[in-house]
C-alpha atoms as a PDB file:
ATOM      1  CA  MET A   1       0.000   0.000   0.000  1.00  0.00           C
ATOM      2  CA  ASN A   2       1.375   3.428  -0.922  1.00  0.00           C
ATOM      3  CA  PHE A   3       1.152   6.644   1.110  1.00  0.00           C
ATOM      4  CA  VAL A   4       2.388  10.141   0.248  1.00  0.00           C
ATOM      5  CA  SER A   5       3.862  11.975   3.206  1.00  0.00           C
ATOM      6  CA  GLN A   6       4.167  15.761   3.067  1.00  0.00           C
ATOM      7  CA  PRO A   7       6.646  17.867   5.068  1.00  0.00           C
ATOM      8  CA  GLY A   8       5.287  18.446   8.524  1.00  0.00           C
ATOM      9  CA  SER A   9       2.208  16.214   8.068  1.00  0.00           C
ATOM     10  CA  GLY A  10       1.355  15.202  11.570  1.00  0.00           C
ATOM     11  CA  GLY A  11       4.730  16.466  12.754  1.00  0.00           C
ATOM     12  CA  THR A  12       6.381  13.433  11.207  1.00  0.00           C
ATOM     13  CA  ASN A  13       8.315  14.513   8.119  1.00  0.00           C
ATOM     14  CA  THR A  14      10.443  17.676   8.070  1.00  0.00           C
ATOM     15  CA  HIS A  15      12.696  16.953   5.068  1.00  0.00           C
ATOM     16  CA  GLY A  16      10.463  16.723   1.985  1.00  0.00           C
ATOM     17  CA  SER A  17       7.715  14.762   0.281  1.00  0.00           C
ATOM     18  CA  TYR A  18       8.162  11.064  -0.157  1.00  0.00           C
ATOM     19  CA  VAL A  19       6.157   8.038  -1.149  1.00  0.00           C
ATOM     20  CA  VAL A  20       5.956   5.297   1.449  1.00  0.00           C
ATOM     21  CA  SER A  21       5.358   1.764   0.180  1.00  0.00           C
ATOM     22  CA  LEU A  22       4.162  -0.361   3.063  1.00  0.00           C
ATOM     23  CA  ASP A  23       3.866  -4.137   3.264  1.00  0.00           C
ATOM     24  CA  LYS A  24       4.103  -6.823   5.949  1.00  0.00           C
ATOM     25  CA  ASP A  25       7.899  -6.999   5.717  1.00  0.00           C
ATOM     26  CA  GLY A  26       8.666  -3.290   5.981  1.00  0.00           C
ATOM     27  CA  ALA A  27       8.343   0.263   4.711  1.00  0.00           C
ATOM     28  CA  CYS A  28      10.176   1.740   1.727  1.00  0.00           C
ATOM     29  CA  PHE A  29      10.620   5.546   1.740  1.00  0.00           C
ATOM     30  CA  ARG A  30      11.196   6.969  -1.791  1.00  0.00           C
ATOM     31  CA  PRO A  31      11.575  10.731  -2.301  1.00  0.00           C
ATOM     32  CA  VAL A  32       9.082  12.354  -4.676  1.00  0.00           C
ATOM     33  CA  THR A  33      11.563  14.895  -6.049  1.00  0.00           C
ATOM     34  CA  SER A  34      14.516  13.871  -8.180  1.00  0.00           C
ATOM     35  CA  ASP A  35      17.118  15.825  -6.155  1.00  0.00           C
ATOM     36  CA  ASN A  36      17.045  13.225  -3.353  1.00  0.00           C
ATOM     37  CA  GLN A  37      18.245   9.949  -4.832  1.00  0.00           C
ATOM     38  CA  GLY A  38      18.278   7.858  -1.629  1.00  0.00           C
ATOM     39  CA  THR A  39      15.674   5.241  -0.836  1.00  0.00           C
ATOM     40  CA  LEU A  40      15.272   4.078   2.745  1.00  0.00           C
ATOM     41  CA  VAL A  41      13.947   0.611   3.630  1.00  0.00           C
ATOM     42  CA  ILE A  42      12.894  -0.023   7.228  1.00  0.00           C
ATOM     43  CA  PRO A  43      11.785  -3.485   8.461  1.00  0.00           C
ATOM     44  CA  THR A  44       8.400  -3.660  10.177  1.00  0.00           C
ATOM     45  CA  LYS A  45       9.846  -4.969  13.449  1.00  0.00           C
ATOM     46  CA  VAL A  46      11.737  -1.673  13.931  1.00  0.00           C
ATOM     47  CA  PHE A  47       8.477   0.290  14.278  1.00  0.00           C
ATOM     48  CA  ASP A  48       7.114   0.746  17.814  1.00  0.00           C
ATOM     49  CA  GLY A  49       3.486   0.022  16.947  1.00  0.00           C
ATOM     50  CA  VAL A  50       0.268   1.315  15.417  1.00  0.00           C
ATOM     51  CA  MET A  51      -0.733   4.436  17.345  1.00  0.00           C
ATOM     52  CA  VAL A  52      -3.962   6.416  17.592  1.00  0.00           C
ATOM     53  CA  GLU A  53      -3.708  10.102  18.367  1.00  0.00           C
ATOM     54  CA  VAL A  54      -6.812  12.196  19.066  1.00  0.00           C
ATOM     55  CA  LYS A  55      -6.445  15.983  19.361  1.00  0.00           C
ATOM     56  CA  PRO A  56      -8.905  18.850  19.521  1.00  0.00           C
ATOM     57  CA  GLY A  57      -9.751  20.108  16.034  1.00  0.00           C
ATOM     58  CA  THR A  58      -9.534  23.628  14.665  1.00  0.00           C
ATOM     59  CA  LEU A  59     -13.266  24.264  15.153  1.00  0.00           C
ATOM     60  CA  PRO A  60     -14.725  24.290  18.672  1.00  0.00           C
ATOM     61  CA  GLY A  61     -16.167  20.903  19.581  1.00  0.00           C
ATOM     62  CA  SER A  62     -14.405  19.041  16.771  1.00  0.00           C
ATOM     63  CA  VAL A  63     -11.581  16.502  17.003  1.00  0.00           C
ATOM     64  CA  CYS A  64      -8.831  15.276  14.705  1.00  0.00           C
ATOM     65  CA  ALA A  65      -7.912  11.584  14.933  1.00  0.00           C
ATOM     66  CA  LYS A  66      -4.864  10.032  13.285  1.00  0.00           C
ATOM     67  CA  LEU A  67      -3.748   6.447  12.850  1.00  0.00           C
ATOM     68  CA  ILE A  68       0.062   6.461  12.773  1.00  0.00           C
ATOM     69  CA  LEU A  69       2.667   3.758  12.187  1.00  0.00           C
ATOM     70  CA  LYS A  70       4.904   4.895  15.063  1.00  0.00           C
ATOM     71  CA  HIS A  71       8.703   4.912  14.836  1.00  0.00           C
ATOM     72  CA  SER A  72      11.048   6.060  17.595  1.00  0.00           C
ATOM     73  CA  ASP A  73      12.348   8.698  15.138  1.00  0.00           C
ATOM     74  CA  ASP A  74       9.276  10.860  14.449  1.00  0.00           C
ATOM     75  CA  THR A  75      10.508  11.730  10.951  1.00  0.00           C
ATOM     76  CA  LEU A  76      10.036   8.057   9.990  1.00  0.00           C
ATOM     77  CA  SER A  77       6.518   7.720  11.403  1.00  0.00           C
ATOM     78  CA  VAL A  78       3.826   7.227   8.759  1.00  0.00           C
ATOM     79  CA  VAL A  79       0.292   8.651   8.977  1.00  0.00           C
ATOM     80  CA  LEU A  80      -1.942   5.785   7.818  1.00  0.00           C
ATOM     81  CA  CYS A  81      -5.286   7.549   8.205  1.00  0.00           C
ATOM     82  CA  GLU A  82      -6.552  10.949   9.347  1.00  0.00           C
ATOM     83  CA  THR A  83     -10.195  11.734  10.098  1.00  0.00           C
ATOM     84  CA  ASP A  84     -12.445  13.991  12.138  1.00  0.00           C
ATOM     85  CA  ARG A  85     -14.524  10.985  13.280  1.00  0.00           C
ATOM     86  CA  PRO A  86     -12.507   8.814  15.749  1.00  0.00           C
ATOM     87  CA  GLU A  87     -15.066   5.982  15.529  1.00  0.00           C
ATOM     88  CA  ASP A  88     -13.924   5.402  11.938  1.00  0.00           C
ATOM     89  CA  LEU A  89     -10.556   4.229  13.283  1.00  0.00           C
ATOM     90  CA  ALA A  90     -12.116   1.649  15.617  1.00  0.00           C
ATOM     91  CA  SER A  91     -11.961  -1.154  13.052  1.00  0.00           C
ATOM     92  CA  ALA A  92      -8.860   0.004  11.160  1.00  0.00           C
ATOM     93  CA  TRP A  93      -6.631   0.224  14.255  1.00  0.00           C
ATOM     94  CA  PRO A  94      -6.727  -3.462  15.312  1.00  0.00           C
ATOM     95  CA  ALA A  95      -6.669  -4.557  11.660  1.00  0.00           C
ATOM     96  CA  TRP A  96      -3.417  -2.672  10.955  1.00  0.00           C
ATOM     97  CA  SER A  97      -1.938  -3.909  14.229  1.00  0.00           C
ATOM     98  CA  LYS A  98      -2.753  -7.527  13.433  1.00  0.00           C
ATOM     99  CA  ALA A  99      -1.639  -7.293   9.794  1.00  0.00           C
ATOM    100  CA  LEU A 100       1.754  -5.819  10.687  1.00  0.00           C
ATOM    101  CA  GLY A 101       2.212  -7.827  13.892  1.00  0.00           C
ATOM    102  CA  LEU A 102       2.777  -4.670  15.964  1.00  0.00           C
ATOM    103  CA  PRO A 103       1.265  -3.589  19.296  1.00  0.00           C
ATOM    104  CA  MET A 104      -1.562  -1.085  19.563  1.00  0.00           C
ATOM    105  CA  LEU A 105      -0.505   2.249  21.054  1.00  0.00           C
ATOM    106  CA  VAL A 106      -2.400   5.353  22.113  1.00  0.00           C
ATOM    107  CA  ARG A 107      -1.130   8.897  22.683  1.00  0.00           C
ATOM    108  CA  ASP A 108      -3.065  10.679  25.413  1.00  0.00           C
ATOM    109  CA  LEU A 109      -3.647  14.435  25.599  1.00  0.00           C
ATOM    110  CA  GLY A 110      -0.543  14.800  27.785  1.00  0.00           C
ATOM    111  CA  GLY A 111       1.633  13.363  24.992  1.00  0.00           C
ATOM    112  CA  ARG A 112       2.456  10.071  26.726  1.00  0.00           C
ATOM    113  CA  ILE A 113       2.384   6.940  24.574  1.00  0.00           C
ATOM    114  CA  LYS A 114       0.871   3.871  26.215  1.00  0.00           C
ATOM    115  CA  PRO A 115       0.233   0.355  24.884  1.00  0.00           C
ATOM    116  CA  ILE A 116      -3.293  -1.025  24.827  1.00  0.00           C
ATOM    117  CA  GLU A 117      -2.860  -4.358  26.565  1.00  0.00           C
ATOM    118  CA  ALA A 118      -6.400  -5.637  26.180  1.00  0.00           C
ATOM    119  CA  PHE A 119      -5.692  -6.636  22.571  1.00  0.00           C
ATOM    120  CA  GLN A 120      -2.161  -7.913  23.169  1.00  0.00           C
ATOM    121  CA  ALA A 121      -3.076 -11.131  24.973  1.00  0.00           C
ATOM    122  CA  GLU A 122      -2.000 -14.286  23.194  1.00  0.00           C
ATOM    123  CA  LYS A 123      -3.301 -17.794  23.661  1.00  0.00           C
ATOM    124  CA  THR A 124      -1.013 -19.870  25.838  1.00  0.00           C
ATOM    125  CA  GLY A 125      -2.329 -23.274  24.821  1.00  0.00           C
ATOM    126  CA  ALA A 126      -5.087 -25.743  25.485  1.00  0.00           C
ATOM    127  CA  PRO A 127      -6.606 -25.728  28.973  1.00  0.00           C
ATOM    128  CA  HIS A 128      -5.556 -28.491  31.346  1.00  0.00           C
ATOM    129  CA  ALA A 129      -7.859 -31.457  31.882  1.00  0.00           C
ATOM    130  CA  ARG A 130      -9.759 -31.211  35.140  1.00  0.00           C
ATOM    131  CA  ARG A 131     -10.148 -34.925  35.829  1.00  0.00           C
ATOM    132  CA  LYS A 132      -6.653 -35.967  35.101  1.00  0.00           C
ATOM    133  CA  LEU A 133      -6.685 -39.090  37.311  1.00  0.00           C
ATOM    134  CA  SER A 134      -9.577 -40.802  35.530  1.00  0.00           C
ATOM    135  CA  MET A 135      -8.007 -40.210  32.137  1.00  0.00           C
ATOM    136  CA  LEU A 136      -4.740 -41.764  33.257  1.00  0.00           C
ATOM    137  CA  THR A 137      -6.182 -44.855  34.929  1.00  0.00           C
ATOM    138  CA  GLY A 138      -8.643 -45.834  32.201  1.00  0.00           C
ATOM    139  CA  ARG A 139     -11.185 -46.878  34.853  1.00  0.00           C
ATOM    140  CA  ARG A 140     -14.806 -46.104  35.435  1.00  0.00           C
ATOM    141  CA  PRO A 141     -15.633 -43.349  37.932  1.00  0.00           C
ATOM    142  CA  ARG A 142     -16.236 -44.456  41.535  1.00  0.00           C
ATOM    143  CA  PHE A 143     -19.993 -43.914  41.550  1.00  0.00           C
ATOM    144  CA  LEU A 144     -20.353 -46.121  38.459  1.00  0.00           C
ATOM    145  CA  VAL A 145     -18.214 -48.875  40.000  1.00  0.00           C
ATOM    146  CA  ARG A 146     -20.744 -49.286  42.832  1.00  0.00           C
ATOM    147  CA  ARG A 147     -23.614 -49.863  40.439  1.00  0.00           C
ATOM    148  CA  LYS A 148     -24.271 -53.340  39.168  1.00  0.00           C
ATOM    149  CA  THR A 149     -25.160 -54.206  35.645  1.00  0.00           C
ATOM    150  CA  GLY A 150     -28.647 -55.529  34.970  1.00  0.00           C
ATOM    151  CA  ASN A 151     -29.571 -59.212  34.679  1.00  0.00           C
ATOM    152  CA  ALA A 152     -32.442 -60.059  32.346  1.00  0.00           C
ATOM    153  CA  GLU A 153     -33.297 -63.348  34.081  1.00  0.00           C
ATOM    154  CA  ARG A 154     -33.742 -61.722  37.475  1.00  0.00           C
ATOM    155  CA  SER A 155     -35.784 -58.781  36.251  1.00  0.00           C
ATOM    156  CA  ILE A 156     -38.522 -60.785  34.422  1.00  0.00           C
ATOM    157  CA  LYS A 157     -41.132 -62.078  36.857  1.00  0.00           C
ATOM    158  CA  SER A 158     -43.695 -64.611  35.714  1.00  0.00           C
ATOM    159  CA  TYR A 159     -46.847 -65.536  37.640  1.00  0.00           C
ATOM    160  CA  LYS A 160     -48.216 -68.761  36.129  1.00  0.00           C
ATOM    161  CA  GLY A 161     -51.552 -70.072  37.227  1.00  0.00           C
ATOM    162  CA  GLU A 162     -52.452 -67.063  39.352  1.00  0.00           C
ATOM    163  CA  ARG A 163     -55.555 -64.991  39.056  1.00  0.00           C
ATOM    164  CA  GLU A 164     -55.251 -61.385  38.162  1.00  0.00           C
ATOM    165  CA  ILE A 165     -56.556 -58.917  40.701  1.00  0.00           C
ATOM    166  CA  ILE A 166     -57.953 -55.688  39.313  1.00  0.00           C
ATOM    167  CA  ALA A 167     -58.827 -52.859  41.601  1.00  0.00           C
ATOM    168  CA  ARG A 168     -61.888 -50.829  40.715  1.00  0.00           C
ATOM    169  CA  SER A 169     -63.336 -47.884  42.465  1.00  0.00           C
END
């Protein structure tokens, strides 16, 4: 995916315009102008995470929300999305984080960057069996051991030659 970063956009780039090609392996920064010949390739694992920054907007009562691929050097951070509706970033933020394999970060109004740990939990494995003893022994449970199996000969009762008594009210 390609992004064009302007000088000073989001306080990230101060040198000049460049095109950022982003994929799962890394980011490639190519200058737009021909006077800068260098191309910079940065692996994805070098980035700190996918950060959301919400600031008050220019109009009273409005906000400006940005989704940023955060690098420790702010000139290498990439603005992925910018909107005046923060709820639009709710689905894009975890999707970018999962696709790039980076943690989710948030910048509060004080400027501190904190990780969101609710989405960072990883599965540790299958849960342990609760009745481990019975699975190891291969036996029946104790309450089933006390029960006896049925016997068809004992359960069938036959009354030959007897009269049937019927109760009527």
